[in-house]
Amino acid sequence: TAGPTMEAIDPVRFISNHSTGKMGYAIARQAMLRGADVTLVTGKVAIAPPEFVTVVPVTSAQDMYEAVTAASADQDIIIKAAAVADYRPAEVADNKIKKSDADMSIPLTRTKDILAFLGMQREKARKTNGDSRLAGQIICGFSMETQNLLENSRKKLEKKNLDMVIANNLKVDGAGFGTDTNVVTLIRKHSEQELPLQSKEMVSHAILDVIADALQ
């Protein structure tokens, strides 16, 4: 997955984030070049999709949840690089909300946790000797933090039953949203590999190399 989600407030306004999709698109492109059959579930971005990749466009977190869960059982590897909203407006106005002199608050409600669902689905398959492809799935998530990067990322790895988390500190120069480079740490259950500043294409290679080793 790649890009942001957009959570509507009314027909004019929405809540979103700064994701440009560059990291997820780079991973999809490099996986395709390695011979993978790639499905890219993507929020709205301003970059061209990779060639020879099945692109599934979505808007909201709910859209992304439905697209990912519909396709997840057929995937050997899932890499979730999208920046999915954790919250959405509890109600969406049918018409544009008119401004007034008073302040306004917007009640928010949790969106569905896609990574948690994927990890739970795979663990269930393993415990029940279910679908062998699903049980053997490799799931990789992204963690974008501004503090306690490794601690928070490792908690995410364990809580959501992931194989790897790509930890990304948004306060580091050259990392995060909108850049052509990134600075990440690849976190697995018993290891951490910090990568130096490099292009998102090269970061993609490093991620795919670790996953390829895990498949062997």
N, C-alpha and C. Protein backbone atom coordinates (compact mmCIF):
# COMPACT_ATOMS: atom_id res chain seq x y z
N THR A 1 0.85 -1.19 0.00
CA THR A 1 0.00 0.00 0.00
C THR A 1 0.88 1.24 0.00
N ALA A 2 0.30 2.35 -0.44
CA ALA A 2 1.07 3.58 -0.54
C ALA A 2 0.15 4.80 -0.44
N GLY A 3 0.76 5.93 -0.11
CA GLY A 3 0.05 7.19 -0.13
C GLY A 3 -0.80 7.47 1.10
N PRO A 4 -1.53 8.58 1.07
CA PRO A 4 -2.35 8.98 2.22
C PRO A 4 -3.78 8.48 2.08
N THR A 5 -4.53 8.56 3.15
CA THR A 5 -5.98 8.44 3.04
C THR A 5 -6.58 9.81 3.32
N MET A 6 -7.80 10.01 2.84
CA MET A 6 -8.50 11.28 3.00
C MET A 6 -9.86 11.00 3.64
N GLU A 7 -10.11 11.60 4.78
CA GLU A 7 -11.32 11.34 5.55
C GLU A 7 -12.23 12.56 5.47
N ALA A 8 -13.36 12.41 4.83
CA ALA A 8 -14.24 13.53 4.54
C ALA A 8 -14.86 14.13 5.81
N ILE A 9 -14.91 15.47 5.83
CA ILE A 9 -15.64 16.22 6.85
C ILE A 9 -17.00 16.64 6.29
N ASP A 10 -16.96 17.14 5.07
CA ASP A 10 -18.15 17.53 4.32
C ASP A 10 -17.79 17.40 2.84
N PRO A 11 -18.63 17.80 1.89
CA PRO A 11 -18.28 17.62 0.48
C PRO A 11 -17.07 18.44 0.01
N VAL A 12 -16.59 19.36 0.86
CA VAL A 12 -15.50 20.26 0.47
C VAL A 12 -14.21 19.93 1.21
N ARG A 13 -14.30 19.55 2.47
CA ARG A 13 -13.12 19.45 3.33
C ARG A 13 -12.85 18.00 3.73
N PHE A 14 -11.58 17.74 4.07
CA PHE A 14 -11.21 16.41 4.53
C PHE A 14 -10.00 16.50 5.45
N ILE A 15 -9.76 15.42 6.20
CA ILE A 15 -8.58 15.28 7.04
C ILE A 15 -7.62 14.33 6.33
N SER A 16 -6.35 14.70 6.24
CA SER A 16 -5.38 13.84 5.57
C SER A 16 -4.01 14.01 6.20
N ASN A 17 -2.97 13.64 5.49
CA ASN A 17 -1.60 13.77 5.98
C ASN A 17 -0.67 14.10 4.83
N HIS A 18 0.62 14.18 5.10
CA HIS A 18 1.58 14.66 4.11
C HIS A 18 2.17 13.57 3.22
N SER A 19 1.69 12.36 3.30
CA SER A 19 2.27 11.28 2.49
C SER A 19 2.13 11.56 0.99
N THR A 20 3.23 11.34 0.26
CA THR A 20 3.22 11.52 -1.20
C THR A 20 3.19 10.20 -1.95
N GLY A 21 3.37 9.09 -1.24
CA GLY A 21 3.37 7.78 -1.88
C GLY A 21 4.71 7.35 -2.44
N LYS A 22 5.74 8.19 -2.33
CA LYS A 22 7.01 7.89 -2.99
C LYS A 22 7.65 6.60 -2.48
N MET A 23 7.58 6.34 -1.18
CA MET A 23 8.21 5.14 -0.64
C MET A 23 7.48 3.89 -1.11
N GLY A 24 6.16 3.90 -0.99
CA GLY A 24 5.38 2.74 -1.41
C GLY A 24 5.49 2.47 -2.90
N TYR A 25 5.51 3.52 -3.70
CA TYR A 25 5.62 3.36 -5.15
C TYR A 25 6.99 2.82 -5.52
N ALA A 26 8.03 3.25 -4.81
CA ALA A 26 9.38 2.74 -5.07
C ALA A 26 9.45 1.25 -4.77
N ILE A 27 8.83 0.83 -3.66
CA ILE A 27 8.82 -0.60 -3.32
C ILE A 27 8.08 -1.40 -4.38
N ALA A 28 6.91 -0.89 -4.80
CA ALA A 28 6.12 -1.59 -5.82
C ALA A 28 6.91 -1.73 -7.12
N ARG A 29 7.61 -0.68 -7.50
CA ARG A 29 8.39 -0.70 -8.74
C ARG A 29 9.52 -1.70 -8.66
N GLN A 30 10.26 -1.67 -7.57
CA GLN A 30 11.40 -2.58 -7.43
C GLN A 30 10.95 -4.03 -7.30
N ALA A 31 9.82 -4.27 -6.64
CA ALA A 31 9.30 -5.64 -6.54
C ALA A 31 8.90 -6.15 -7.92
N MET A 32 8.28 -5.28 -8.72
CA MET A 32 7.91 -5.66 -10.09
C MET A 32 9.15 -5.99 -10.91
N LEU A 33 10.20 -5.19 -10.78
CA LEU A 33 11.42 -5.41 -11.55
C LEU A 33 12.11 -6.72 -11.14
N ARG A 34 11.83 -7.18 -9.92
CA ARG A 34 12.38 -8.46 -9.47
C ARG A 34 11.53 -9.64 -9.91
N GLY A 35 10.42 -9.35 -10.58
CA GLY A 35 9.59 -10.43 -11.10
C GLY A 35 8.34 -10.71 -10.31
N ALA A 36 8.03 -9.90 -9.31
CA ALA A 36 6.83 -10.13 -8.50
C ALA A 36 5.59 -9.68 -9.25
N ASP A 37 4.48 -10.34 -8.95
CA ASP A 37 3.17 -9.92 -9.44
C ASP A 37 2.61 -8.98 -8.38
N VAL A 38 2.62 -7.69 -8.65
CA VAL A 38 2.39 -6.67 -7.62
C VAL A 38 1.00 -6.05 -7.74
N THR A 39 0.32 -5.97 -6.61
CA THR A 39 -0.91 -5.20 -6.50
C THR A 39 -0.61 -4.01 -5.59
N LEU A 40 -0.87 -2.80 -6.09
CA LEU A 40 -0.59 -1.57 -5.35
C LEU A 40 -1.90 -0.90 -4.99
N VAL A 41 -2.25 -0.93 -3.71
CA VAL A 41 -3.43 -0.22 -3.22
C VAL A 41 -2.96 1.16 -2.79
N THR A 42 -3.46 2.20 -3.46
CA THR A 42 -2.88 3.53 -3.27
C THR A 42 -3.91 4.61 -3.02
N GLY A 43 -3.59 5.46 -2.06
CA GLY A 43 -4.35 6.69 -1.87
C GLY A 43 -4.03 7.67 -2.99
N LYS A 44 -4.66 8.83 -2.95
CA LYS A 44 -4.47 9.81 -4.02
C LYS A 44 -3.10 10.48 -3.91
N VAL A 45 -2.32 10.35 -4.99
CA VAL A 45 -0.98 10.94 -5.04
C VAL A 45 -0.79 11.64 -6.38
N ALA A 46 0.31 12.36 -6.50
CA ALA A 46 0.58 13.14 -7.72
C ALA A 46 1.74 12.56 -8.51
N ILE A 47 1.99 11.26 -8.37
CA ILE A 47 3.07 10.60 -9.13
C ILE A 47 2.48 9.48 -9.96
N ALA A 48 3.17 9.19 -11.06
CA ALA A 48 2.67 8.16 -11.98
C ALA A 48 2.86 6.77 -11.37
N PRO A 49 1.89 5.88 -11.53
CA PRO A 49 2.04 4.53 -10.99
C PRO A 49 3.10 3.75 -11.76
N PRO A 50 3.75 2.79 -11.12
CA PRO A 50 4.74 1.96 -11.81
C PRO A 50 4.07 1.15 -12.92
N GLU A 51 4.83 0.89 -13.97
CA GLU A 51 4.31 0.05 -15.05
C GLU A 51 4.23 -1.40 -14.61
N PHE A 52 3.33 -2.15 -15.27
CA PHE A 52 3.18 -3.59 -15.05
C PHE A 52 2.82 -3.94 -13.61
N VAL A 53 2.09 -3.04 -12.97
CA VAL A 53 1.62 -3.23 -11.61
C VAL A 53 0.10 -3.04 -11.60
N THR A 54 -0.62 -3.91 -10.89
CA THR A 54 -2.07 -3.75 -10.75
C THR A 54 -2.34 -2.67 -9.72
N VAL A 55 -2.93 -1.56 -10.15
CA VAL A 55 -3.15 -0.42 -9.27
C VAL A 55 -4.61 -0.37 -8.83
N VAL A 56 -4.83 -0.30 -7.53
CA VAL A 56 -6.17 -0.19 -6.96
C VAL A 56 -6.27 1.16 -6.24
N PRO A 57 -6.91 2.16 -6.85
CA PRO A 57 -7.00 3.48 -6.21
C PRO A 57 -8.06 3.51 -5.12
N VAL A 58 -7.76 4.14 -4.01
CA VAL A 58 -8.70 4.31 -2.91
C VAL A 58 -8.63 5.74 -2.39
N THR A 59 -9.60 6.10 -1.57
CA THR A 59 -9.61 7.45 -0.99
C THR A 59 -9.47 7.39 0.53
N SER A 60 -10.42 6.74 1.19
CA SER A 60 -10.47 6.76 2.65
C SER A 60 -9.79 5.53 3.27
N ALA A 61 -9.64 5.58 4.58
CA ALA A 61 -9.10 4.43 5.30
C ALA A 61 -10.01 3.22 5.15
N GLN A 62 -11.31 3.44 5.15
CA GLN A 62 -12.25 2.34 4.97
C GLN A 62 -12.11 1.73 3.57
N ASP A 63 -11.93 2.59 2.57
CA ASP A 63 -11.68 2.10 1.20
C ASP A 63 -10.45 1.21 1.17
N MET A 64 -9.38 1.68 1.83
CA MET A 64 -8.13 0.92 1.83
C MET A 64 -8.29 -0.39 2.57
N TYR A 65 -9.00 -0.37 3.68
CA TYR A 65 -9.26 -1.60 4.44
C TYR A 65 -9.98 -2.62 3.56
N GLU A 66 -11.00 -2.18 2.86
CA GLU A 66 -11.78 -3.10 2.02
C GLU A 66 -10.95 -3.63 0.86
N ALA A 67 -10.14 -2.77 0.23
CA ALA A 67 -9.32 -3.21 -0.90
C ALA A 67 -8.23 -4.18 -0.45
N VAL A 68 -7.60 -3.90 0.68
CA VAL A 68 -6.53 -4.76 1.16
C VAL A 68 -7.07 -6.11 1.62
N THR A 69 -8.14 -6.10 2.40
CA THR A 69 -8.67 -7.36 2.92
C THR A 69 -9.26 -8.22 1.81
N ALA A 70 -9.76 -7.59 0.75
CA ALA A 70 -10.30 -8.37 -0.38
C ALA A 70 -9.20 -9.13 -1.11
N ALA A 71 -7.99 -8.57 -1.12
CA ALA A 71 -6.89 -9.17 -1.89
C ALA A 71 -5.87 -9.90 -1.02
N SER A 72 -5.92 -9.72 0.29
CA SER A 72 -4.81 -10.16 1.16
C SER A 72 -4.55 -11.66 1.14
N ALA A 73 -5.60 -12.47 1.06
CA ALA A 73 -5.41 -13.92 1.14
C ALA A 73 -4.64 -14.48 -0.05
N ASP A 74 -4.56 -13.73 -1.15
CA ASP A 74 -3.88 -14.20 -2.35
C ASP A 74 -2.43 -13.74 -2.43
N GLN A 75 -1.96 -13.04 -1.39
CA GLN A 75 -0.62 -12.46 -1.43
C GLN A 75 0.38 -13.29 -0.62
N ASP A 76 1.58 -13.43 -1.15
CA ASP A 76 2.66 -14.07 -0.41
C ASP A 76 3.35 -13.07 0.52
N ILE A 77 3.41 -11.82 0.09
CA ILE A 77 4.08 -10.75 0.83
C ILE A 77 3.17 -9.54 0.86
N ILE A 78 3.03 -8.92 2.02
CA ILE A 78 2.27 -7.67 2.14
C ILE A 78 3.17 -6.62 2.76
N ILE A 79 3.34 -5.51 2.07
CA ILE A 79 4.14 -4.39 2.57
C ILE A 79 3.23 -3.18 2.67
N LYS A 80 3.00 -2.73 3.91
CA LYS A 80 2.05 -1.64 4.14
C LYS A 80 2.80 -0.33 4.37
N ALA A 81 3.03 0.41 3.27
CA ALA A 81 3.75 1.68 3.36
C ALA A 81 2.82 2.89 3.36
N ALA A 82 1.52 2.67 3.25
CA ALA A 82 0.57 3.79 3.23
C ALA A 82 0.51 4.46 4.60
N ALA A 83 0.17 5.75 4.58
CA ALA A 83 -0.07 6.50 5.82
C ALA A 83 -1.59 6.57 6.01
N VAL A 84 -2.11 5.59 6.75
CA VAL A 84 -3.56 5.45 6.91
C VAL A 84 -4.03 6.23 8.13
N ALA A 85 -5.11 6.99 7.97
CA ALA A 85 -5.64 7.77 9.08
C ALA A 85 -6.06 6.85 10.23
N ASP A 86 -5.70 7.21 11.45
CA ASP A 86 -6.13 6.46 12.63
C ASP A 86 -7.55 6.85 13.04
N TYR A 87 -7.96 8.05 12.65
CA TYR A 87 -9.28 8.55 13.02
C TYR A 87 -9.96 9.18 11.81
N ARG A 88 -11.29 9.18 11.83
CA ARG A 88 -12.08 9.85 10.81
C ARG A 88 -13.23 10.58 11.50
N PRO A 89 -13.81 11.60 10.86
CA PRO A 89 -14.97 12.28 11.44
C PRO A 89 -16.10 11.27 11.72
N ALA A 90 -16.69 11.38 12.89
CA ALA A 90 -17.77 10.47 13.26
C ALA A 90 -18.97 10.62 12.34
N GLU A 91 -19.20 11.82 11.85
CA GLU A 91 -20.29 12.08 10.92
C GLU A 91 -19.77 12.96 9.79
N VAL A 92 -20.24 12.71 8.57
CA VAL A 92 -19.88 13.52 7.41
C VAL A 92 -21.09 14.35 7.02
N ALA A 93 -20.92 15.65 6.97
CA ALA A 93 -22.03 16.54 6.63
C ALA A 93 -22.40 16.39 5.16
N ASP A 94 -23.70 16.40 4.87
CA ASP A 94 -24.17 16.30 3.49
C ASP A 94 -23.87 17.55 2.69
N ASN A 95 -23.82 18.69 3.37
CA ASN A 95 -23.56 19.97 2.72
C ASN A 95 -22.36 20.64 3.36
N LYS A 96 -21.80 21.60 2.67
CA LYS A 96 -20.66 22.34 3.20
C LYS A 96 -21.02 22.98 4.54
N ILE A 97 -20.16 22.78 5.53
CA ILE A 97 -20.38 23.37 6.84
C ILE A 97 -20.03 24.86 6.76
N LYS A 98 -21.00 25.71 7.05
CA LYS A 98 -20.77 27.15 6.96
C LYS A 98 -20.01 27.64 8.18
N LYS A 99 -19.11 28.57 7.96
CA LYS A 99 -18.35 29.12 9.07
C LYS A 99 -19.22 30.07 9.89
N SER A 100 -18.83 30.22 11.14
CA SER A 100 -19.53 31.15 12.03
C SER A 100 -18.47 31.83 12.89
N ASP A 101 -18.90 32.69 13.80
CA ASP A 101 -17.95 33.38 14.67
C ASP A 101 -17.49 32.49 15.82
N ALA A 102 -18.17 31.39 16.02
CA ALA A 102 -17.83 30.49 17.13
C ALA A 102 -16.78 29.46 16.71
N ASP A 103 -16.08 28.91 17.69
CA ASP A 103 -15.18 27.80 17.41
C ASP A 103 -16.00 26.56 17.07
N MET A 104 -15.34 25.57 16.48
CA MET A 104 -16.03 24.34 16.13
C MET A 104 -15.15 23.15 16.49
N SER A 105 -15.75 22.09 16.97
CA SER A 105 -15.02 20.84 17.21
C SER A 105 -15.65 19.75 16.37
N ILE A 106 -14.81 18.78 15.98
CA ILE A 106 -15.27 17.68 15.13
C ILE A 106 -15.02 16.37 15.87
N PRO A 107 -16.07 15.67 16.28
CA PRO A 107 -15.88 14.36 16.93
C PRO A 107 -15.25 13.38 15.94
N LEU A 108 -14.27 12.62 16.42
CA LEU A 108 -13.58 11.64 15.58
C LEU A 108 -13.82 10.24 16.13
N THR A 109 -13.76 9.28 15.23
CA THR A 109 -13.89 7.87 15.62
C THR A 109 -12.77 7.07 14.98
N ARG A 110 -12.39 5.96 15.59
CA ARG A 110 -11.28 5.16 15.09
C ARG A 110 -11.60 4.51 13.75
N THR A 111 -10.59 4.45 12.91
CA THR A 111 -10.71 3.68 11.67
C THR A 111 -10.28 2.24 11.96
N LYS A 112 -10.56 1.34 11.03
CA LYS A 112 -10.17 -0.06 11.20
C LYS A 112 -8.66 -0.22 11.03
N ASP A 113 -8.06 -1.03 11.86
CA ASP A 113 -6.61 -1.24 11.85
C ASP A 113 -6.27 -2.35 10.85
N ILE A 114 -5.76 -1.96 9.70
CA ILE A 114 -5.51 -2.93 8.63
C ILE A 114 -4.40 -3.89 9.00
N LEU A 115 -3.31 -3.37 9.53
CA LEU A 115 -2.18 -4.24 9.88
C LEU A 115 -2.57 -5.24 10.97
N ALA A 116 -3.31 -4.79 11.96
CA ALA A 116 -3.73 -5.68 13.03
C ALA A 116 -4.60 -6.80 12.47
N PHE A 117 -5.50 -6.47 11.53
CA PHE A 117 -6.35 -7.49 10.91
C PHE A 117 -5.50 -8.51 10.17
N LEU A 118 -4.52 -8.04 9.39
CA LEU A 118 -3.68 -8.96 8.61
C LEU A 118 -2.89 -9.89 9.51
N GLY A 119 -2.31 -9.33 10.58
CA GLY A 119 -1.55 -10.17 11.50
C GLY A 119 -2.43 -11.19 12.20
N MET A 120 -3.62 -10.77 12.61
CA MET A 120 -4.55 -11.68 13.27
C MET A 120 -5.02 -12.78 12.33
N GLN A 121 -5.30 -12.42 11.08
CA GLN A 121 -5.75 -13.39 10.09
C GLN A 121 -4.68 -14.45 9.84
N ARG A 122 -3.43 -14.02 9.75
CA ARG A 122 -2.35 -14.98 9.52
C ARG A 122 -2.14 -15.88 10.73
N GLU A 123 -2.18 -15.31 11.95
CA GLU A 123 -1.99 -16.12 13.14
C GLU A 123 -3.09 -17.14 13.29
N LYS A 124 -4.30 -16.77 12.94
CA LYS A 124 -5.42 -17.71 13.01
C LYS A 124 -5.20 -18.89 12.06
N ALA A 125 -4.71 -18.58 10.84
CA ALA A 125 -4.44 -19.64 9.86
C ALA A 125 -3.35 -20.58 10.37
N ARG A 126 -2.36 -20.04 11.06
CA ARG A 126 -1.28 -20.87 11.58
C ARG A 126 -1.75 -21.77 12.72
N LYS A 127 -2.59 -21.23 13.60
CA LYS A 127 -3.03 -21.99 14.77
C LYS A 127 -4.04 -23.07 14.40
N THR A 128 -4.78 -22.86 13.33
CA THR A 128 -5.82 -23.81 12.95
C THR A 128 -5.43 -24.71 11.78
N ASN A 129 -4.14 -24.62 11.37
CA ASN A 129 -3.68 -25.35 10.19
C ASN A 129 -4.56 -25.04 8.98
N GLY A 130 -4.85 -23.75 8.84
CA GLY A 130 -5.70 -23.30 7.75
C GLY A 130 -4.93 -23.11 6.46
N ASP A 131 -5.36 -22.17 5.64
CA ASP A 131 -4.76 -21.89 4.34
C ASP A 131 -3.24 -21.77 4.47
N SER A 132 -2.51 -22.66 3.80
CA SER A 132 -1.05 -22.69 3.94
C SER A 132 -0.40 -21.43 3.37
N ARG A 133 -0.99 -20.89 2.30
CA ARG A 133 -0.42 -19.67 1.72
C ARG A 133 -0.59 -18.50 2.69
N LEU A 134 -1.74 -18.43 3.30
CA LEU A 134 -2.00 -17.37 4.27
C LEU A 134 -1.11 -17.53 5.49
N ALA A 135 -0.95 -18.76 5.96
CA ALA A 135 -0.13 -19.02 7.14
C ALA A 135 1.34 -18.68 6.89
N GLY A 136 1.79 -18.80 5.64
CA GLY A 136 3.18 -18.54 5.31
C GLY A 136 3.46 -17.11 4.85
N GLN A 137 2.45 -16.29 4.94
CA GLN A 137 2.56 -14.90 4.47
C GLN A 137 3.62 -14.12 5.25
N ILE A 138 4.30 -13.22 4.56
CA ILE A 138 5.23 -12.29 5.21
C ILE A 138 4.57 -10.92 5.23
N ILE A 139 4.49 -10.32 6.42
CA ILE A 139 3.82 -9.03 6.59
C ILE A 139 4.82 -8.00 7.11
N CYS A 140 4.93 -6.90 6.39
CA CYS A 140 5.86 -5.83 6.74
C CYS A 140 5.09 -4.52 6.87
N GLY A 141 5.26 -3.85 7.99
CA GLY A 141 4.60 -2.57 8.20
C GLY A 141 5.60 -1.43 8.28
N PHE A 142 5.09 -0.22 8.30
CA PHE A 142 5.91 0.98 8.48
C PHE A 142 5.52 1.66 9.77
N SER A 143 6.49 2.24 10.44
CA SER A 143 6.24 2.99 11.67
C SER A 143 6.87 4.36 11.53
N MET A 144 6.06 5.40 11.54
CA MET A 144 6.56 6.76 11.44
C MET A 144 6.41 7.45 12.79
N GLU A 145 7.52 7.83 13.38
CA GLU A 145 7.52 8.36 14.73
C GLU A 145 8.28 9.68 14.81
N THR A 146 8.01 10.43 15.87
CA THR A 146 8.77 11.65 16.15
C THR A 146 9.53 11.53 17.46
N GLN A 147 9.29 10.44 18.20
CA GLN A 147 10.04 10.19 19.43
C GLN A 147 9.98 8.70 19.76
N ASN A 148 10.95 8.24 20.53
CA ASN A 148 11.02 6.82 20.95
C ASN A 148 10.83 5.89 19.75
N LEU A 149 11.59 6.14 18.71
CA LEU A 149 11.41 5.45 17.44
C LEU A 149 11.49 3.93 17.58
N LEU A 150 12.58 3.41 18.12
CA LEU A 150 12.78 1.97 18.17
C LEU A 150 11.81 1.31 19.14
N GLU A 151 11.60 1.92 20.30
CA GLU A 151 10.70 1.36 21.30
C GLU A 151 9.27 1.25 20.76
N ASN A 152 8.77 2.34 20.18
CA ASN A 152 7.40 2.35 19.67
C ASN A 152 7.25 1.41 18.47
N SER A 153 8.27 1.35 17.63
CA SER A 153 8.21 0.49 16.46
C SER A 153 8.23 -0.98 16.84
N ARG A 154 9.04 -1.33 17.84
CA ARG A 154 9.09 -2.72 18.27
C ARG A 154 7.77 -3.14 18.93
N LYS A 155 7.13 -2.23 19.64
CA LYS A 155 5.81 -2.52 20.20
C LYS A 155 4.81 -2.82 19.08
N LYS A 156 4.90 -2.06 18.00
CA LYS A 156 4.01 -2.27 16.86
C LYS A 156 4.26 -3.64 16.23
N LEU A 157 5.52 -4.00 16.10
CA LEU A 157 5.90 -5.30 15.53
C LEU A 157 5.25 -6.45 16.32
N GLU A 158 5.35 -6.36 17.64
CA GLU A 158 4.85 -7.44 18.50
C GLU A 158 3.33 -7.43 18.60
N LYS A 159 2.76 -6.26 18.79
CA LYS A 159 1.31 -6.16 19.00
C LYS A 159 0.53 -6.61 17.78
N LYS A 160 1.07 -6.34 16.60
CA LYS A 160 0.32 -6.64 15.38
C LYS A 160 0.81 -7.88 14.64
N ASN A 161 1.69 -8.64 15.30
CA ASN A 161 2.16 -9.92 14.74
C ASN A 161 2.80 -9.76 13.36
N LEU A 162 3.74 -8.84 13.26
CA LEU A 162 4.40 -8.56 11.99
C LEU A 162 5.75 -9.28 11.92
N ASP A 163 6.26 -9.43 10.71
CA ASP A 163 7.60 -9.99 10.51
C ASP A 163 8.67 -8.91 10.54
N MET A 164 8.29 -7.71 10.09
CA MET A 164 9.25 -6.62 10.03
C MET A 164 8.52 -5.28 10.08
N VAL A 165 9.16 -4.32 10.73
CA VAL A 165 8.67 -2.95 10.73
C VAL A 165 9.78 -2.05 10.22
N ILE A 166 9.43 -1.17 9.29
CA ILE A 166 10.38 -0.17 8.79
C ILE A 166 10.18 1.09 9.61
N ALA A 167 11.11 1.37 10.50
CA ALA A 167 10.97 2.50 11.42
C ALA A 167 11.56 3.76 10.80
N ASN A 168 10.78 4.81 10.83
CA ASN A 168 11.10 6.04 10.11
C ASN A 168 10.92 7.22 11.05
N ASN A 169 12.00 7.94 11.35
CA ASN A 169 11.93 9.10 12.23
C ASN A 169 11.73 10.36 11.40
N LEU A 170 10.56 10.97 11.54
CA LEU A 170 10.22 12.12 10.69
C LEU A 170 11.04 13.36 11.02
N LYS A 171 11.76 13.36 12.14
CA LYS A 171 12.54 14.54 12.51
C LYS A 171 13.98 14.50 11.97
N VAL A 172 14.33 13.40 11.29
CA VAL A 172 15.68 13.28 10.72
C VAL A 172 15.70 13.91 9.33
N ASP A 173 16.72 14.75 9.07
CA ASP A 173 16.84 15.38 7.75
C ASP A 173 16.95 14.31 6.66
N GLY A 174 16.17 14.50 5.59
CA GLY A 174 16.24 13.58 4.46
C GLY A 174 15.33 12.38 4.60
N ALA A 175 14.55 12.32 5.68
CA ALA A 175 13.64 11.18 5.90
C ALA A 175 12.20 11.64 5.87
N GLY A 176 11.30 10.67 5.68
CA GLY A 176 9.88 10.97 5.84
C GLY A 176 9.17 11.35 4.57
N PHE A 177 8.12 12.16 4.73
CA PHE A 177 7.22 12.49 3.63
C PHE A 177 7.83 13.46 2.63
N GLY A 178 7.54 13.23 1.36
CA GLY A 178 7.83 14.22 0.32
C GLY A 178 9.26 14.25 -0.17
N THR A 179 10.16 13.47 0.42
CA THR A 179 11.56 13.47 0.01
C THR A 179 11.82 12.31 -0.95
N ASP A 180 12.92 12.40 -1.68
CA ASP A 180 13.34 11.29 -2.55
C ASP A 180 14.29 10.35 -1.82
N THR A 181 14.64 10.71 -0.58
CA THR A 181 15.53 9.89 0.24
C THR A 181 14.81 9.45 1.51
N ASN A 182 15.47 8.56 2.25
CA ASN A 182 14.89 8.12 3.51
C ASN A 182 16.00 7.62 4.44
N VAL A 183 15.70 7.64 5.73
CA VAL A 183 16.59 7.09 6.75
C VAL A 183 15.72 6.18 7.60
N VAL A 184 15.96 4.89 7.54
CA VAL A 184 15.08 3.94 8.23
C VAL A 184 15.89 2.90 9.00
N THR A 185 15.20 2.23 9.91
CA THR A 185 15.75 1.07 10.61
C THR A 185 14.83 -0.11 10.34
N LEU A 186 15.39 -1.21 9.87
CA LEU A 186 14.62 -2.42 9.61
C LEU A 186 14.60 -3.24 10.90
N ILE A 187 13.43 -3.38 11.48
CA ILE A 187 13.29 -4.06 12.77
C ILE A 187 12.59 -5.40 12.58
N ARG A 188 13.24 -6.47 13.00
CA ARG A 188 12.66 -7.80 13.04
C ARG A 188 12.68 -8.28 14.48
N LYS A 189 12.14 -9.46 14.72
CA LYS A 189 11.96 -9.92 16.10
C LYS A 189 13.27 -9.94 16.87
N HIS A 190 14.35 -10.39 16.22
CA HIS A 190 15.62 -10.53 16.93
C HIS A 190 16.74 -9.68 16.33
N SER A 191 16.38 -8.66 15.54
CA SER A 191 17.45 -7.87 14.92
C SER A 191 16.97 -6.47 14.57
N GLU A 192 17.93 -5.57 14.45
CA GLU A 192 17.69 -4.21 13.98
C GLU A 192 18.81 -3.84 13.01
N GLN A 193 18.44 -3.30 11.87
CA GLN A 193 19.43 -2.89 10.88
C GLN A 193 19.16 -1.45 10.48
N GLU A 194 20.04 -0.56 10.92
CA GLU A 194 19.87 0.86 10.61
C GLU A 194 20.52 1.16 9.26
N LEU A 195 19.78 1.78 8.36
CA LEU A 195 20.30 2.13 7.05
C LEU A 195 20.68 3.60 7.02
N PRO A 196 21.76 3.94 6.31
CA PRO A 196 22.14 5.35 6.19
C PRO A 196 21.20 6.08 5.22
N LEU A 197 21.33 7.38 5.18
CA LEU A 197 20.56 8.19 4.24
C LEU A 197 20.81 7.70 2.81
N GLN A 198 19.75 7.38 2.10
CA GLN A 198 19.87 6.92 0.72
C GLN A 198 18.54 7.11 0.01
N SER A 199 18.54 6.90 -1.30
CA SER A 199 17.31 7.08 -2.07
C SER A 199 16.26 6.07 -1.63
N LYS A 200 15.01 6.40 -1.86
CA LYS A 200 13.93 5.48 -1.52
C LYS A 200 13.98 4.23 -2.40
N GLU A 201 14.54 4.35 -3.58
CA GLU A 201 14.74 3.17 -4.43
C GLU A 201 15.72 2.20 -3.76
N MET A 202 16.80 2.73 -3.19
CA MET A 202 17.78 1.89 -2.53
C MET A 202 17.23 1.31 -1.22
N VAL A 203 16.43 2.08 -0.51
CA VAL A 203 15.77 1.56 0.69
C VAL A 203 14.86 0.40 0.30
N SER A 204 14.18 0.54 -0.84
CA SER A 204 13.31 -0.54 -1.33
C SER A 204 14.10 -1.82 -1.56
N HIS A 205 15.27 -1.69 -2.17
CA HIS A 205 16.12 -2.86 -2.41
C HIS A 205 16.47 -3.55 -1.09
N ALA A 206 16.84 -2.76 -0.07
CA ALA A 206 17.22 -3.33 1.22
C ALA A 206 16.06 -4.08 1.85
N ILE A 207 14.86 -3.50 1.78
CA ILE A 207 13.67 -4.15 2.34
C ILE A 207 13.39 -5.46 1.62
N LEU A 208 13.44 -5.42 0.29
CA LEU A 208 13.14 -6.61 -0.50
C LEU A 208 14.22 -7.69 -0.35
N ASP A 209 15.45 -7.27 -0.13
CA ASP A 209 16.51 -8.26 0.12
C ASP A 209 16.24 -9.06 1.40
N VAL A 210 15.82 -8.37 2.45
CA VAL A 210 15.52 -9.06 3.72
C VAL A 210 14.33 -10.00 3.54
N ILE A 211 13.30 -9.55 2.82
CA ILE A 211 12.12 -10.38 2.60
C ILE A 211 12.47 -11.59 1.73
N ALA A 212 13.30 -11.39 0.72
CA ALA A 212 13.72 -12.48 -0.16
C ALA A 212 14.47 -13.57 0.63
N ASP A 213 15.32 -13.11 1.57
CA ASP A 213 16.04 -14.07 2.41
C ASP A 213 15.07 -14.87 3.28
N ALA A 214 14.03 -14.18 3.78
CA ALA A 214 13.06 -14.84 4.64
C ALA A 214 12.25 -15.88 3.89
N LEU A 215 12.07 -15.70 2.59
CA LEU A 215 11.30 -16.63 1.78
C LEU A 215 12.07 -17.91 1.49
N GLN A 216 13.38 -17.86 1.58
CA GLN A 216 14.19 -19.02 1.22
C GLN A 216 14.16 -20.10 2.29
